[in-house]
């Protein structure tokens, strides 16, 4: 039983984690998400006042 679980953890768990990683990357770079990322990146500057 230990050998079977070890084999599953070594192979299929690695494949599953890699697929999850690829899914997260694809979700972050999906079309249409650029506006959201720009808004989040500019959050610290939202309340700044322009000084002349």
N, C-alpha and C. Protein backbone atom coordinates (compact mmCIF):
# COMPACT_ATOMS: atom_id res chain seq x y z
N UNK A 1 0.83 -1.19 0.00
CA UNK A 1 0.00 0.00 0.00
C UNK A 1 0.88 1.26 0.00
N UNK A 2 1.94 1.25 0.78
CA UNK A 2 2.83 2.40 0.83
C UNK A 2 3.47 2.67 -0.52
N UNK A 3 3.86 1.62 -1.22
CA UNK A 3 4.49 1.78 -2.53
C UNK A 3 3.52 2.41 -3.53
N UNK A 4 2.27 1.99 -3.50
CA UNK A 4 1.26 2.56 -4.39
C UNK A 4 1.04 4.04 -4.08
N UNK A 5 0.90 4.38 -2.81
CA UNK A 5 0.70 5.77 -2.44
C UNK A 5 1.91 6.62 -2.78
N UNK A 6 3.08 6.06 -2.61
CA UNK A 6 4.31 6.77 -2.95
C UNK A 6 4.40 7.03 -4.45
N UNK A 7 4.02 6.06 -5.23
CA UNK A 7 4.04 6.21 -6.69
C UNK A 7 3.03 7.26 -7.14
N UNK A 8 1.86 7.28 -6.53
CA UNK A 8 0.85 8.29 -6.86
C UNK A 8 1.34 9.68 -6.49
N UNK A 9 1.95 9.80 -5.35
CA UNK A 9 2.45 11.10 -4.90
C UNK A 9 3.59 11.58 -5.79
N UNK A 10 4.43 10.69 -6.24
CA UNK A 10 5.57 11.07 -7.08
C UNK A 10 5.15 11.46 -8.48
N UNK A 11 4.11 10.85 -9.01
CA UNK A 11 3.78 11.11 -10.41
C UNK A 11 2.51 11.95 -10.56
N UNK A 12 1.39 11.44 -10.11
CA UNK A 12 0.11 12.11 -10.37
C UNK A 12 -0.06 13.39 -9.57
N UNK A 13 0.46 13.44 -8.37
CA UNK A 13 0.38 14.67 -7.59
C UNK A 13 1.22 15.77 -8.25
N UNK A 14 2.36 15.39 -8.78
CA UNK A 14 3.20 16.35 -9.49
C UNK A 14 2.49 16.87 -10.73
N UNK A 15 1.85 16.00 -11.47
CA UNK A 15 1.11 16.41 -12.66
C UNK A 15 -0.05 17.33 -12.26
N UNK A 16 -0.77 16.99 -11.21
CA UNK A 16 -1.90 17.81 -10.77
C UNK A 16 -1.44 19.20 -10.33
N UNK A 17 -0.36 19.28 -9.57
CA UNK A 17 0.14 20.57 -9.13
C UNK A 17 0.65 21.40 -10.30
N UNK A 18 1.25 20.76 -11.28
CA UNK A 18 1.72 21.47 -12.47
C UNK A 18 0.54 22.01 -13.26
N UNK A 19 -0.53 21.24 -13.39
CA UNK A 19 -1.72 21.71 -14.10
C UNK A 19 -2.39 22.87 -13.36
N UNK A 20 -2.41 22.81 -12.04
CA UNK A 20 -2.95 23.92 -11.26
C UNK A 20 -2.10 25.16 -11.48
N UNK A 21 -0.80 25.01 -11.49
CA UNK A 21 0.10 26.13 -11.73
C UNK A 21 -0.15 26.75 -13.11
N UNK A 22 -0.27 25.92 -14.13
CA UNK A 22 -0.56 26.42 -15.47
C UNK A 22 -1.91 27.12 -15.54
N UNK A 23 -2.88 26.62 -14.81
CA UNK A 23 -4.20 27.25 -14.76
C UNK A 23 -4.14 28.63 -14.13
N UNK A 24 -3.38 28.78 -13.08
CA UNK A 24 -3.23 30.08 -12.43
C UNK A 24 -2.53 31.07 -13.35
N UNK A 25 -1.51 30.62 -14.04
CA UNK A 25 -0.80 31.49 -14.98
C UNK A 25 -1.73 31.90 -16.12
N UNK A 26 -2.48 30.96 -16.66
CA UNK A 26 -3.42 31.28 -17.75
C UNK A 26 -4.49 32.24 -17.27
N UNK A 27 -4.96 32.09 -16.03
CA UNK A 27 -5.99 32.98 -15.49
C UNK A 27 -5.44 34.39 -15.31
N UNK A 28 -4.19 34.51 -14.89
CA UNK A 28 -3.60 35.84 -14.68
C UNK A 28 -3.38 36.58 -16.00
N UNK A 29 -3.07 35.85 -17.06
CA UNK A 29 -2.77 36.48 -18.35
C UNK A 29 -3.93 36.35 -19.34
N UNK A 30 -5.14 36.10 -18.84
CA UNK A 30 -6.28 35.95 -19.74
C UNK A 30 -6.60 37.28 -20.42
N UNK A 31 -7.20 37.21 -21.61
CA UNK A 31 -7.56 38.45 -22.31
C UNK A 31 -8.58 39.25 -21.50
N UNK A 32 -8.41 40.53 -21.47
CA UNK A 32 -9.35 41.39 -20.77
C UNK A 32 -9.00 41.67 -19.32
N UNK A 33 -7.94 41.09 -18.82
CA UNK A 33 -7.60 41.30 -17.41
C UNK A 33 -6.61 42.45 -17.22
N UNK A 34 -6.14 43.03 -18.31
CA UNK A 34 -5.13 44.09 -18.21
C UNK A 34 -5.66 45.30 -17.44
N UNK A 35 -6.92 45.69 -17.68
CA UNK A 35 -7.49 46.85 -16.99
C UNK A 35 -7.54 46.60 -15.48
N UNK A 36 -7.92 45.41 -15.09
CA UNK A 36 -7.97 45.07 -13.67
C UNK A 36 -6.58 45.13 -13.04
N UNK A 37 -5.58 44.60 -13.72
CA UNK A 37 -4.22 44.61 -13.19
C UNK A 37 -3.67 46.04 -13.10
N UNK A 38 -4.00 46.89 -14.07
CA UNK A 38 -3.55 48.28 -14.01
C UNK A 38 -4.22 49.01 -12.85
N UNK A 39 -5.50 48.75 -12.63
CA UNK A 39 -6.21 49.39 -11.51
C UNK A 39 -5.60 48.97 -10.17
N UNK A 40 -5.31 47.71 -10.03
CA UNK A 40 -4.71 47.22 -8.79
C UNK A 40 -3.31 47.80 -8.61
N UNK A 41 -2.55 47.90 -9.68
CA UNK A 41 -1.19 48.43 -9.60
C UNK A 41 -1.18 49.90 -9.19
N UNK A 42 -2.22 50.65 -9.55
CA UNK A 42 -2.29 52.07 -9.24
C UNK A 42 -3.02 52.38 -7.94
N UNK A 43 -3.41 51.38 -7.19
CA UNK A 43 -4.14 51.57 -5.94
C UNK A 43 -3.38 52.47 -4.94
N UNK A 44 -2.07 52.31 -4.77
CA UNK A 44 -1.39 53.18 -3.80
C UNK A 44 -1.43 54.66 -4.17
N UNK A 45 -1.64 54.97 -5.42
CA UNK A 45 -1.63 56.36 -5.88
C UNK A 45 -3.03 56.95 -6.03
N UNK A 46 -4.05 56.21 -5.62
CA UNK A 46 -5.43 56.62 -5.85
C UNK A 46 -5.77 57.93 -5.17
N UNK A 47 -5.27 58.18 -3.97
CA UNK A 47 -5.64 59.36 -3.20
C UNK A 47 -4.58 60.45 -3.23
N UNK A 48 -3.61 60.33 -4.09
CA UNK A 48 -2.59 61.39 -4.22
C UNK A 48 -3.16 62.61 -4.90
N UNK A 49 -2.79 63.76 -4.38
CA UNK A 49 -3.18 65.01 -4.99
C UNK A 49 -2.03 65.54 -5.83
N UNK A 50 -2.35 66.11 -6.96
CA UNK A 50 -1.32 66.68 -7.81
C UNK A 50 -0.88 68.02 -7.23
N UNK A 51 0.43 68.19 -7.12
CA UNK A 51 0.97 69.45 -6.61
C UNK A 51 1.55 70.22 -7.77
N UNK A 52 1.20 71.49 -7.87
CA UNK A 52 1.71 72.32 -8.96
C UNK A 52 2.94 73.08 -8.55
